[in-house]
Amino acid sequence: MTNSAKVKTDVLADVRMAGQRFAEFKLAHDKRIAPALLEHAKTVSTQQDVDAFCDGYAETLTGTDGSKRAQKSMVRTILKVLTATDDKLNTYHKLKKPADGRKVLDKAMLKTVGIDALSKALRVPPNKSDAANDTETGEGDTGTNEAQNTLQAWWDECIKKGHSEKYGLTNDEMLAFIAQVLAK
């Protein structure tokens, strides 16, 4: 190995290590974010409180409107479980009072890291019986190659537009929003 190649390899190894240190920092930060959210939301107890908290949160964020909406949606899901103020979430998690919501959150926080993963863990999954009913009525039929190709082209355009400079969304943000819409 030439001296030039060795120097380049050493520099790349240092850069790689710097990337690993940043990832460790981010992971440590992500582990603290959900507990910090709950600490700041101690006074949140009603749906009005949830709305006001989320509005204040989104107003302070930087980034695109789409990114702000996705972040707000994740926090809203967490706070709705914390306050037991959403009928669908209450039914799914068997919540009767806010203390039940806190127990569900504490348990979910042991298995997740960060706001995104926590909100995903708390969401009501799409009902499989709804999907079965859709195919019986002809909706959602993707059996033909033409339909598959059309859907794939549509999806590719959605992803491309979401990633565009105008919207600046990540895949996680787009999928979180889609899951939120499907959960309604």
N, C-alpha and C. Protein backbone atom coordinates (compact mmCIF):
# COMPACT_ATOMS: atom_id res chain seq x y z
N MET A 1 0.86 -1.17 0.00
CA MET A 1 0.00 0.00 0.00
C MET A 1 0.90 1.24 0.00
N THR A 2 0.58 2.15 -0.88
CA THR A 2 1.38 3.38 -0.96
C THR A 2 1.05 4.28 0.21
N ASN A 3 1.95 5.22 0.48
CA ASN A 3 1.72 6.16 1.57
C ASN A 3 0.44 6.96 1.33
N SER A 4 0.20 7.33 0.09
CA SER A 4 -0.99 8.12 -0.25
C SER A 4 -2.27 7.32 0.04
N ALA A 5 -2.27 6.04 -0.33
CA ALA A 5 -3.44 5.18 -0.08
C ALA A 5 -3.64 4.97 1.41
N LYS A 6 -2.52 4.81 2.15
CA LYS A 6 -2.63 4.62 3.59
C LYS A 6 -3.20 5.86 4.28
N VAL A 7 -2.75 7.04 3.87
CA VAL A 7 -3.25 8.29 4.45
C VAL A 7 -4.74 8.42 4.17
N LYS A 8 -5.14 8.12 2.93
CA LYS A 8 -6.57 8.21 2.56
C LYS A 8 -7.40 7.23 3.39
N THR A 9 -6.90 6.02 3.58
CA THR A 9 -7.60 5.02 4.39
C THR A 9 -7.73 5.48 5.83
N ASP A 10 -6.65 6.05 6.38
CA ASP A 10 -6.68 6.55 7.76
C ASP A 10 -7.69 7.68 7.91
N VAL A 11 -7.72 8.60 6.94
CA VAL A 11 -8.65 9.73 6.99
C VAL A 11 -10.09 9.22 6.93
N LEU A 12 -10.35 8.28 6.04
CA LEU A 12 -11.70 7.73 5.92
C LEU A 12 -12.11 7.00 7.20
N ALA A 13 -11.17 6.32 7.82
CA ALA A 13 -11.47 5.64 9.09
C ALA A 13 -11.82 6.67 10.16
N ASP A 14 -11.09 7.78 10.20
CA ASP A 14 -11.39 8.84 11.17
C ASP A 14 -12.77 9.44 10.91
N VAL A 15 -13.10 9.67 9.64
CA VAL A 15 -14.40 10.24 9.28
C VAL A 15 -15.51 9.26 9.65
N ARG A 16 -15.28 7.99 9.39
CA ARG A 16 -16.27 6.96 9.76
C ARG A 16 -16.50 6.95 11.27
N MET A 17 -15.41 7.05 12.03
CA MET A 17 -15.54 7.08 13.49
C MET A 17 -16.30 8.32 13.95
N ALA A 18 -16.07 9.45 13.29
CA ALA A 18 -16.80 10.67 13.63
C ALA A 18 -18.29 10.47 13.38
N GLY A 19 -18.65 9.81 12.28
CA GLY A 19 -20.05 9.50 11.99
C GLY A 19 -20.65 8.59 13.05
N GLN A 20 -19.88 7.62 13.51
CA GLN A 20 -20.36 6.73 14.56
C GLN A 20 -20.57 7.47 15.87
N ARG A 21 -19.66 8.40 16.19
CA ARG A 21 -19.83 9.19 17.43
C ARG A 21 -21.07 10.06 17.35
N PHE A 22 -21.33 10.63 16.16
CA PHE A 22 -22.54 11.44 16.01
C PHE A 22 -23.79 10.58 16.16
N ALA A 23 -23.77 9.37 15.61
CA ALA A 23 -24.91 8.46 15.74
C ALA A 23 -25.15 8.11 17.21
N GLU A 24 -24.08 7.90 17.96
CA GLU A 24 -24.21 7.62 19.40
C GLU A 24 -24.82 8.82 20.13
N PHE A 25 -24.39 10.03 19.76
CA PHE A 25 -24.96 11.25 20.34
C PHE A 25 -26.45 11.33 20.04
N LYS A 26 -26.82 11.10 18.78
CA LYS A 26 -28.22 11.18 18.37
C LYS A 26 -29.06 10.15 19.11
N LEU A 27 -28.56 8.93 19.24
CA LEU A 27 -29.28 7.89 19.96
C LEU A 27 -29.48 8.28 21.42
N ALA A 28 -28.46 8.82 22.04
CA ALA A 28 -28.59 9.26 23.44
C ALA A 28 -29.62 10.39 23.54
N HIS A 29 -29.62 11.30 22.58
CA HIS A 29 -30.60 12.40 22.56
C HIS A 29 -32.01 11.83 22.38
N ASP A 30 -32.17 10.90 21.43
CA ASP A 30 -33.48 10.30 21.17
C ASP A 30 -34.03 9.58 22.40
N LYS A 31 -33.14 8.99 23.19
CA LYS A 31 -33.59 8.31 24.41
C LYS A 31 -34.14 9.28 25.44
N ARG A 32 -33.71 10.53 25.39
CA ARG A 32 -34.15 11.53 26.36
C ARG A 32 -35.37 12.31 25.89
N ILE A 33 -35.72 12.24 24.61
CA ILE A 33 -36.75 13.13 24.08
C ILE A 33 -38.16 12.78 24.57
N ALA A 34 -38.53 11.52 24.60
CA ALA A 34 -39.88 11.15 25.05
C ALA A 34 -40.08 11.48 26.54
N PRO A 35 -39.13 11.13 27.42
CA PRO A 35 -39.31 11.54 28.81
C PRO A 35 -39.39 13.07 28.96
N ALA A 36 -38.64 13.80 28.15
CA ALA A 36 -38.70 15.27 28.21
C ALA A 36 -40.08 15.76 27.76
N LEU A 37 -40.64 15.13 26.75
CA LEU A 37 -41.99 15.50 26.29
C LEU A 37 -42.98 15.33 27.44
N LEU A 38 -42.93 14.20 28.11
CA LEU A 38 -43.86 13.95 29.21
C LEU A 38 -43.64 14.92 30.37
N GLU A 39 -42.41 15.29 30.60
CA GLU A 39 -42.12 16.27 31.66
C GLU A 39 -42.74 17.63 31.31
N HIS A 40 -42.59 18.05 30.07
CA HIS A 40 -43.13 19.35 29.65
C HIS A 40 -44.66 19.33 29.55
N ALA A 41 -45.22 18.15 29.40
CA ALA A 41 -46.68 18.03 29.23
C ALA A 41 -47.39 17.68 30.54
N LYS A 42 -46.75 17.91 31.68
CA LYS A 42 -47.35 17.55 32.97
C LYS A 42 -48.70 18.21 33.20
N THR A 43 -48.90 19.40 32.68
CA THR A 43 -50.16 20.12 32.92
C THR A 43 -51.22 19.82 31.86
N VAL A 44 -50.89 19.01 30.88
CA VAL A 44 -51.83 18.68 29.81
C VAL A 44 -52.79 17.60 30.32
N SER A 45 -54.10 17.91 30.31
CA SER A 45 -55.05 16.93 30.82
C SER A 45 -56.32 16.82 29.99
N THR A 46 -56.61 17.79 29.14
CA THR A 46 -57.83 17.78 28.33
C THR A 46 -57.47 17.82 26.85
N GLN A 47 -58.47 17.59 26.01
CA GLN A 47 -58.24 17.68 24.57
C GLN A 47 -57.82 19.09 24.18
N GLN A 48 -58.40 20.09 24.84
CA GLN A 48 -58.02 21.49 24.59
C GLN A 48 -56.54 21.71 24.93
N ASP A 49 -56.10 21.12 26.01
CA ASP A 49 -54.69 21.22 26.41
C ASP A 49 -53.79 20.56 25.36
N VAL A 50 -54.21 19.39 24.89
CA VAL A 50 -53.44 18.67 23.86
C VAL A 50 -53.30 19.57 22.64
N ASP A 51 -54.41 20.16 22.19
CA ASP A 51 -54.39 21.02 21.00
C ASP A 51 -53.48 22.22 21.21
N ALA A 52 -53.58 22.87 22.36
CA ALA A 52 -52.77 24.06 22.64
C ALA A 52 -51.28 23.70 22.71
N PHE A 53 -50.96 22.60 23.37
CA PHE A 53 -49.57 22.16 23.48
C PHE A 53 -49.01 21.88 22.09
N CYS A 54 -49.77 21.14 21.28
CA CYS A 54 -49.30 20.78 19.93
C CYS A 54 -49.16 22.01 19.04
N ASP A 55 -50.07 22.97 19.17
CA ASP A 55 -49.97 24.21 18.40
C ASP A 55 -48.69 24.97 18.78
N GLY A 56 -48.44 25.08 20.07
CA GLY A 56 -47.23 25.75 20.52
C GLY A 56 -45.97 25.04 20.06
N TYR A 57 -46.01 23.73 20.09
CA TYR A 57 -44.88 22.92 19.63
C TYR A 57 -44.62 23.16 18.15
N ALA A 58 -45.66 23.06 17.34
CA ALA A 58 -45.50 23.21 15.88
C ALA A 58 -45.08 24.63 15.50
N GLU A 59 -45.59 25.61 16.20
CA GLU A 59 -45.24 27.01 15.91
C GLU A 59 -43.75 27.27 16.12
N THR A 60 -43.14 26.55 17.01
CA THR A 60 -41.74 26.78 17.36
C THR A 60 -40.79 25.96 16.48
N LEU A 61 -41.27 24.91 15.84
CA LEU A 61 -40.42 24.07 15.01
C LEU A 61 -39.92 24.81 13.78
N THR A 62 -38.80 24.36 13.28
CA THR A 62 -38.30 24.85 12.00
C THR A 62 -38.51 23.75 10.97
N GLY A 63 -38.42 24.10 9.70
CA GLY A 63 -38.58 23.11 8.64
C GLY A 63 -39.82 23.41 7.82
N THR A 64 -40.16 22.48 6.95
CA THR A 64 -41.30 22.67 6.07
C THR A 64 -42.60 22.48 6.83
N ASP A 65 -43.67 22.97 6.24
CA ASP A 65 -44.98 22.79 6.87
C ASP A 65 -45.32 21.31 7.00
N GLY A 66 -44.99 20.53 5.98
CA GLY A 66 -45.26 19.09 6.03
C GLY A 66 -44.52 18.41 7.16
N SER A 67 -43.28 18.79 7.35
CA SER A 67 -42.47 18.22 8.42
C SER A 67 -43.05 18.61 9.78
N LYS A 68 -43.46 19.88 9.90
CA LYS A 68 -44.06 20.35 11.16
C LYS A 68 -45.35 19.59 11.46
N ARG A 69 -46.17 19.37 10.43
CA ARG A 69 -47.43 18.64 10.63
C ARG A 69 -47.15 17.21 11.09
N ALA A 70 -46.16 16.57 10.48
CA ALA A 70 -45.84 15.19 10.86
C ALA A 70 -45.35 15.13 12.31
N GLN A 71 -44.48 16.06 12.70
CA GLN A 71 -43.97 16.09 14.07
C GLN A 71 -45.11 16.36 15.05
N LYS A 72 -45.97 17.29 14.70
CA LYS A 72 -47.12 17.63 15.55
C LYS A 72 -48.03 16.42 15.71
N SER A 73 -48.24 15.69 14.63
CA SER A 73 -49.10 14.51 14.67
C SER A 73 -48.55 13.45 15.61
N MET A 74 -47.23 13.25 15.58
CA MET A 74 -46.62 12.26 16.46
C MET A 74 -46.80 12.65 17.93
N VAL A 75 -46.56 13.91 18.24
CA VAL A 75 -46.71 14.38 19.61
C VAL A 75 -48.17 14.30 20.03
N ARG A 76 -49.08 14.66 19.13
CA ARG A 76 -50.51 14.60 19.44
C ARG A 76 -50.93 13.17 19.81
N THR A 77 -50.46 12.18 19.06
CA THR A 77 -50.80 10.78 19.37
C THR A 77 -50.34 10.41 20.77
N ILE A 78 -49.12 10.79 21.10
CA ILE A 78 -48.58 10.48 22.43
C ILE A 78 -49.40 11.16 23.53
N LEU A 79 -49.72 12.42 23.32
CA LEU A 79 -50.48 13.16 24.34
C LEU A 79 -51.92 12.66 24.46
N LYS A 80 -52.50 12.21 23.37
CA LYS A 80 -53.87 11.66 23.44
C LYS A 80 -53.88 10.39 24.27
N VAL A 81 -52.83 9.59 24.16
CA VAL A 81 -52.75 8.39 25.00
C VAL A 81 -52.50 8.82 26.45
N LEU A 82 -51.60 9.77 26.66
CA LEU A 82 -51.29 10.24 28.01
C LEU A 82 -52.55 10.75 28.72
N THR A 83 -53.40 11.46 27.99
CA THR A 83 -54.59 12.08 28.61
C THR A 83 -55.85 11.24 28.46
N ALA A 84 -55.76 10.15 27.71
CA ALA A 84 -56.92 9.29 27.44
C ALA A 84 -58.08 10.11 26.88
N THR A 85 -57.79 10.91 25.84
CA THR A 85 -58.81 11.81 25.28
C THR A 85 -59.23 11.44 23.86
N ASP A 86 -58.86 10.26 23.39
CA ASP A 86 -59.23 9.86 22.03
C ASP A 86 -59.95 8.51 22.09
N ASP A 87 -61.16 8.46 21.57
CA ASP A 87 -61.98 7.25 21.68
C ASP A 87 -61.31 6.03 21.05
N LYS A 88 -60.77 6.18 19.83
CA LYS A 88 -60.14 5.04 19.16
C LYS A 88 -58.92 4.54 19.94
N LEU A 89 -58.07 5.46 20.36
CA LEU A 89 -56.89 5.07 21.13
C LEU A 89 -57.29 4.48 22.48
N ASN A 90 -58.31 5.06 23.11
CA ASN A 90 -58.78 4.54 24.40
C ASN A 90 -59.28 3.11 24.25
N THR A 91 -60.06 2.87 23.22
CA THR A 91 -60.59 1.52 22.99
C THR A 91 -59.47 0.54 22.70
N TYR A 92 -58.57 0.91 21.81
CA TYR A 92 -57.48 0.03 21.43
C TYR A 92 -56.57 -0.31 22.62
N HIS A 93 -56.22 0.69 23.40
CA HIS A 93 -55.32 0.48 24.54
C HIS A 93 -56.04 0.18 25.85
N LYS A 94 -57.39 0.12 25.79
CA LYS A 94 -58.22 -0.15 26.98
C LYS A 94 -57.97 0.90 28.07
N LEU A 95 -58.02 2.17 27.67
CA LEU A 95 -57.79 3.27 28.61
C LEU A 95 -59.12 3.77 29.17
N LYS A 96 -59.18 3.92 30.46
CA LYS A 96 -60.36 4.48 31.11
C LYS A 96 -60.06 5.85 31.74
N LYS A 97 -58.79 6.05 32.09
CA LYS A 97 -58.39 7.30 32.74
C LYS A 97 -56.94 7.61 32.36
N PRO A 98 -56.51 8.85 32.56
CA PRO A 98 -55.14 9.22 32.19
C PRO A 98 -54.06 8.34 32.83
N ALA A 99 -54.28 7.87 34.02
CA ALA A 99 -53.28 6.99 34.66
C ALA A 99 -53.05 5.73 33.83
N ASP A 100 -54.12 5.23 33.19
CA ASP A 100 -53.97 4.07 32.30
C ASP A 100 -53.11 4.43 31.10
N GLY A 101 -53.31 5.64 30.59
CA GLY A 101 -52.51 6.11 29.46
C GLY A 101 -51.05 6.22 29.81
N ARG A 102 -50.76 6.71 31.00
CA ARG A 102 -49.37 6.84 31.44
C ARG A 102 -48.71 5.47 31.54
N LYS A 103 -49.46 4.46 32.02
CA LYS A 103 -48.91 3.10 32.11
C LYS A 103 -48.58 2.57 30.72
N VAL A 104 -49.48 2.80 29.76
CA VAL A 104 -49.24 2.35 28.38
C VAL A 104 -48.01 3.05 27.82
N LEU A 105 -47.89 4.36 28.06
CA LEU A 105 -46.72 5.11 27.59
C LEU A 105 -45.43 4.59 28.20
N ASP A 106 -45.44 4.39 29.50
CA ASP A 106 -44.24 3.90 30.17
C ASP A 106 -43.79 2.56 29.60
N LYS A 107 -44.75 1.68 29.36
CA LYS A 107 -44.43 0.37 28.79
C LYS A 107 -43.89 0.51 27.36
N ALA A 108 -44.53 1.36 26.56
CA ALA A 108 -44.08 1.55 25.18
C ALA A 108 -42.71 2.21 25.12
N MET A 109 -42.42 3.10 26.07
CA MET A 109 -41.13 3.78 26.09
C MET A 109 -39.98 2.83 26.41
N LEU A 110 -40.27 1.72 27.06
CA LEU A 110 -39.23 0.73 27.33
C LEU A 110 -38.81 0.01 26.05
N LYS A 111 -39.71 -0.02 25.07
CA LYS A 111 -39.46 -0.77 23.84
C LYS A 111 -39.10 0.12 22.65
N THR A 112 -39.18 1.44 22.81
CA THR A 112 -38.95 2.35 21.69
C THR A 112 -37.95 3.43 22.07
N VAL A 113 -37.41 4.07 21.03
CA VAL A 113 -36.50 5.19 21.23
C VAL A 113 -36.97 6.32 20.31
N GLY A 114 -37.28 7.47 20.90
CA GLY A 114 -37.66 8.63 20.10
C GLY A 114 -39.16 8.79 19.95
N ILE A 115 -39.54 9.98 19.53
CA ILE A 115 -40.95 10.33 19.37
C ILE A 115 -41.60 9.54 18.23
N ASP A 116 -40.90 9.41 17.12
CA ASP A 116 -41.46 8.72 15.95
C ASP A 116 -41.80 7.27 16.30
N ALA A 117 -40.84 6.55 16.86
CA ALA A 117 -41.07 5.14 17.20
C ALA A 117 -42.15 5.00 18.28
N LEU A 118 -42.16 5.91 19.24
CA LEU A 118 -43.17 5.85 20.29
C LEU A 118 -44.56 6.08 19.73
N SER A 119 -44.71 7.09 18.89
CA SER A 119 -46.04 7.35 18.33
C SER A 119 -46.50 6.20 17.44
N LYS A 120 -45.56 5.59 16.71
CA LYS A 120 -45.92 4.42 15.88
C LYS A 120 -46.41 3.27 16.76
N ALA A 121 -45.75 3.07 17.88
CA ALA A 121 -46.12 1.98 18.79
C ALA A 121 -47.50 2.21 19.40
N LEU A 122 -47.91 3.47 19.51
CA LEU A 122 -49.19 3.78 20.15
C LEU A 122 -50.37 3.84 19.19
N ARG A 123 -50.10 3.98 17.91
CA ARG A 123 -51.19 4.12 16.94
C ARG A 123 -52.05 2.87 16.86
N VAL A 124 -53.31 3.09 16.51
CA VAL A 124 -54.23 1.98 16.27
C VAL A 124 -53.90 1.42 14.90
N PRO A 125 -53.57 0.13 14.80
CA PRO A 125 -53.24 -0.43 13.49
C PRO A 125 -54.48 -0.47 12.60
N PRO A 126 -54.28 -0.38 11.28
CA PRO A 126 -55.42 -0.47 10.37
C PRO A 126 -56.17 -1.78 10.60
N ASN A 127 -57.48 -1.71 10.56
CA ASN A 127 -58.32 -2.88 10.80
C ASN A 127 -58.31 -3.78 9.57
N LYS A 128 -57.93 -5.04 9.75
CA LYS A 128 -57.87 -5.97 8.63
C LYS A 128 -59.25 -6.25 8.06
N SER A 129 -60.27 -6.20 8.88
CA SER A 129 -61.62 -6.45 8.36
C SER A 129 -62.04 -5.31 7.43
N ASP A 130 -61.55 -4.08 7.68
CA ASP A 130 -61.84 -2.98 6.76
C ASP A 130 -61.23 -3.25 5.41
N ALA A 131 -59.99 -3.76 5.40
CA ALA A 131 -59.33 -4.06 4.13
C ALA A 131 -60.07 -5.17 3.40
N ALA A 132 -60.56 -6.17 4.12
CA ALA A 132 -61.32 -7.25 3.48
C ALA A 132 -62.60 -6.72 2.87
N ASN A 133 -63.28 -5.82 3.57
CA ASN A 133 -64.50 -5.23 3.04
C ASN A 133 -64.23 -4.41 1.79
N ASP A 134 -63.10 -3.72 1.73
CA ASP A 134 -62.75 -2.92 0.57
C ASP A 134 -62.59 -3.79 -0.67
N THR A 135 -61.94 -4.95 -0.51
CA THR A 135 -61.74 -5.79 -1.68
C THR A 135 -63.03 -6.46 -2.12
N GLU A 136 -63.93 -6.70 -1.19
CA GLU A 136 -65.21 -7.28 -1.57
C GLU A 136 -66.03 -6.32 -2.41
N THR A 137 -65.89 -5.04 -2.15
CA THR A 137 -66.65 -4.04 -2.89
C THR A 137 -65.91 -3.58 -4.14
N GLY A 138 -64.72 -4.15 -4.39
CA GLY A 138 -63.98 -3.78 -5.57
C GLY A 138 -62.94 -2.70 -5.31
N GLU A 139 -62.99 -2.04 -4.18
CA GLU A 139 -62.00 -1.02 -3.87
C GLU A 139 -60.71 -1.71 -3.45
N GLY A 140 -59.60 -1.11 -3.83
CA GLY A 140 -58.31 -1.64 -3.42
C GLY A 140 -57.87 -2.84 -4.23
N ASP A 141 -58.52 -3.17 -5.32
CA ASP A 141 -58.14 -4.30 -6.15
C ASP A 141 -56.87 -3.96 -6.91
N THR A 142 -55.79 -4.66 -6.61
CA THR A 142 -54.52 -4.41 -7.29
C THR A 142 -54.01 -5.67 -7.96
N GLY A 143 -54.91 -6.54 -8.33
CA GLY A 143 -54.52 -7.83 -8.86
C GLY A 143 -53.90 -7.80 -10.24
N THR A 144 -54.24 -6.87 -11.10
CA THR A 144 -53.71 -6.87 -12.45
C THR A 144 -52.35 -6.21 -12.51
N ASN A 145 -51.55 -6.63 -13.50
CA ASN A 145 -50.24 -6.01 -13.68
C ASN A 145 -50.37 -4.53 -13.98
N GLU A 146 -51.39 -4.17 -14.77
CA GLU A 146 -51.59 -2.77 -15.12
C GLU A 146 -51.88 -1.95 -13.87
N ALA A 147 -52.73 -2.47 -13.00
CA ALA A 147 -53.04 -1.76 -11.76
C ALA A 147 -51.79 -1.64 -10.89
N GLN A 148 -51.01 -2.72 -10.81
CA GLN A 148 -49.78 -2.68 -10.02
C GLN A 148 -48.81 -1.64 -10.56
N ASN A 149 -48.66 -1.59 -11.89
CA ASN A 149 -47.76 -0.63 -12.51
C ASN A 149 -48.23 0.81 -12.27
N THR A 150 -49.54 1.02 -12.38
CA THR A 150 -50.10 2.35 -12.15
C THR A 150 -49.90 2.77 -10.70
N LEU A 151 -50.16 1.86 -9.76
CA LEU A 151 -49.98 2.17 -8.35
C LEU A 151 -48.50 2.44 -8.02
N GLN A 152 -47.61 1.65 -8.62
CA GLN A 152 -46.19 1.86 -8.36
C GLN A 152 -45.74 3.21 -8.89
N ALA A 153 -46.20 3.58 -10.09
CA ALA A 153 -45.85 4.88 -10.66
C ALA A 153 -46.39 6.02 -9.78
N TRP A 154 -47.62 5.85 -9.31
CA TRP A 154 -48.23 6.85 -8.43
C TRP A 154 -47.41 6.98 -7.14
N TRP A 155 -47.05 5.84 -6.55
CA TRP A 155 -46.29 5.85 -5.31
C TRP A 155 -44.93 6.51 -5.51
N ASP A 156 -44.25 6.18 -6.61
CA ASP A 156 -42.95 6.78 -6.89
C ASP A 156 -43.05 8.30 -6.99
N GLU A 157 -44.11 8.78 -7.62
CA GLU A 157 -44.32 10.23 -7.72
C GLU A 157 -44.59 10.85 -6.34
N CYS A 158 -45.36 10.15 -5.53
CA CYS A 158 -45.62 10.66 -4.17
C CYS A 158 -44.33 10.79 -3.38
N ILE A 159 -43.50 9.77 -3.43
CA ILE A 159 -42.22 9.78 -2.72
C ILE A 159 -41.33 10.91 -3.25
N LYS A 160 -41.26 11.01 -4.58
CA LYS A 160 -40.43 12.05 -5.20
C LYS A 160 -40.90 13.44 -4.77
N LYS A 161 -42.19 13.67 -4.80
CA LYS A 161 -42.73 14.98 -4.43
C LYS A 161 -42.51 15.24 -2.93
N GLY A 162 -42.71 14.23 -2.11
CA GLY A 162 -42.48 14.40 -0.67
C GLY A 162 -41.05 14.75 -0.34
N HIS A 163 -40.10 14.17 -1.08
CA HIS A 163 -38.69 14.43 -0.85
C HIS A 163 -38.24 15.76 -1.46
N SER A 164 -39.07 16.34 -2.31
CA SER A 164 -38.70 17.56 -3.02
C SER A 164 -38.36 18.69 -2.05
N GLU A 165 -37.67 19.70 -2.58
CA GLU A 165 -37.30 20.85 -1.77
C GLU A 165 -38.52 21.57 -1.22
N LYS A 166 -39.61 21.53 -1.98
CA LYS A 166 -40.84 22.21 -1.55
C LYS A 166 -41.38 21.62 -0.25
N TYR A 167 -41.37 20.27 -0.12
CA TYR A 167 -41.95 19.62 1.06
C TYR A 167 -40.89 19.11 2.03
N GLY A 168 -39.80 18.57 1.54
CA GLY A 168 -38.70 18.14 2.39
C GLY A 168 -39.04 17.09 3.42
N LEU A 169 -39.93 16.17 3.08
CA LEU A 169 -40.35 15.15 4.04
C LEU A 169 -39.44 13.93 3.98
N THR A 170 -39.33 13.24 5.10
CA THR A 170 -38.61 11.97 5.12
C THR A 170 -39.62 10.85 4.87
N ASN A 171 -39.11 9.67 4.55
CA ASN A 171 -40.00 8.51 4.37
C ASN A 171 -40.80 8.26 5.64
N ASP A 172 -40.15 8.36 6.81
CA ASP A 172 -40.84 8.12 8.07
C ASP A 172 -41.99 9.11 8.27
N GLU A 173 -41.76 10.37 7.93
CA GLU A 173 -42.81 11.38 8.08
C GLU A 173 -43.99 11.08 7.16
N MET A 174 -43.69 10.70 5.92
CA MET A 174 -44.77 10.40 4.97
C MET A 174 -45.56 9.17 5.42
N LEU A 175 -44.84 8.14 5.86
CA LEU A 175 -45.52 6.92 6.30
C LEU A 175 -46.31 7.15 7.58
N ALA A 176 -45.80 8.00 8.47
CA ALA A 176 -46.54 8.33 9.69
C ALA A 176 -47.85 9.03 9.35
N PHE A 177 -47.79 9.93 8.38
CA PHE A 177 -49.01 10.64 7.98
C PHE A 177 -50.01 9.68 7.33
N ILE A 178 -49.51 8.79 6.46
CA ILE A 178 -50.39 7.81 5.82
C ILE A 178 -51.06 6.93 6.87
N ALA A 179 -50.26 6.48 7.84
CA ALA A 179 -50.83 5.66 8.92
C ALA A 179 -51.87 6.42 9.72
N GLN A 180 -51.62 7.71 9.94
CA GLN A 180 -52.58 8.54 10.67
C GLN A 180 -53.88 8.65 9.89
N VAL A 181 -53.80 8.86 8.59
CA VAL A 181 -54.99 8.97 7.76
C VAL A 181 -55.75 7.64 7.74
N LEU A 182 -55.03 6.55 7.63
CA LEU A 182 -55.69 5.24 7.61
C LEU A 182 -56.34 4.89 8.94
N ALA A 183 -55.81 5.43 10.02
CA ALA A 183 -56.34 5.13 11.35
C ALA A 183 -57.66 5.85 11.63
N LYS A 184 -57.99 6.85 10.80
CA LYS A 184 -59.22 7.61 11.03
C LYS A 184 -60.45 6.80 10.68
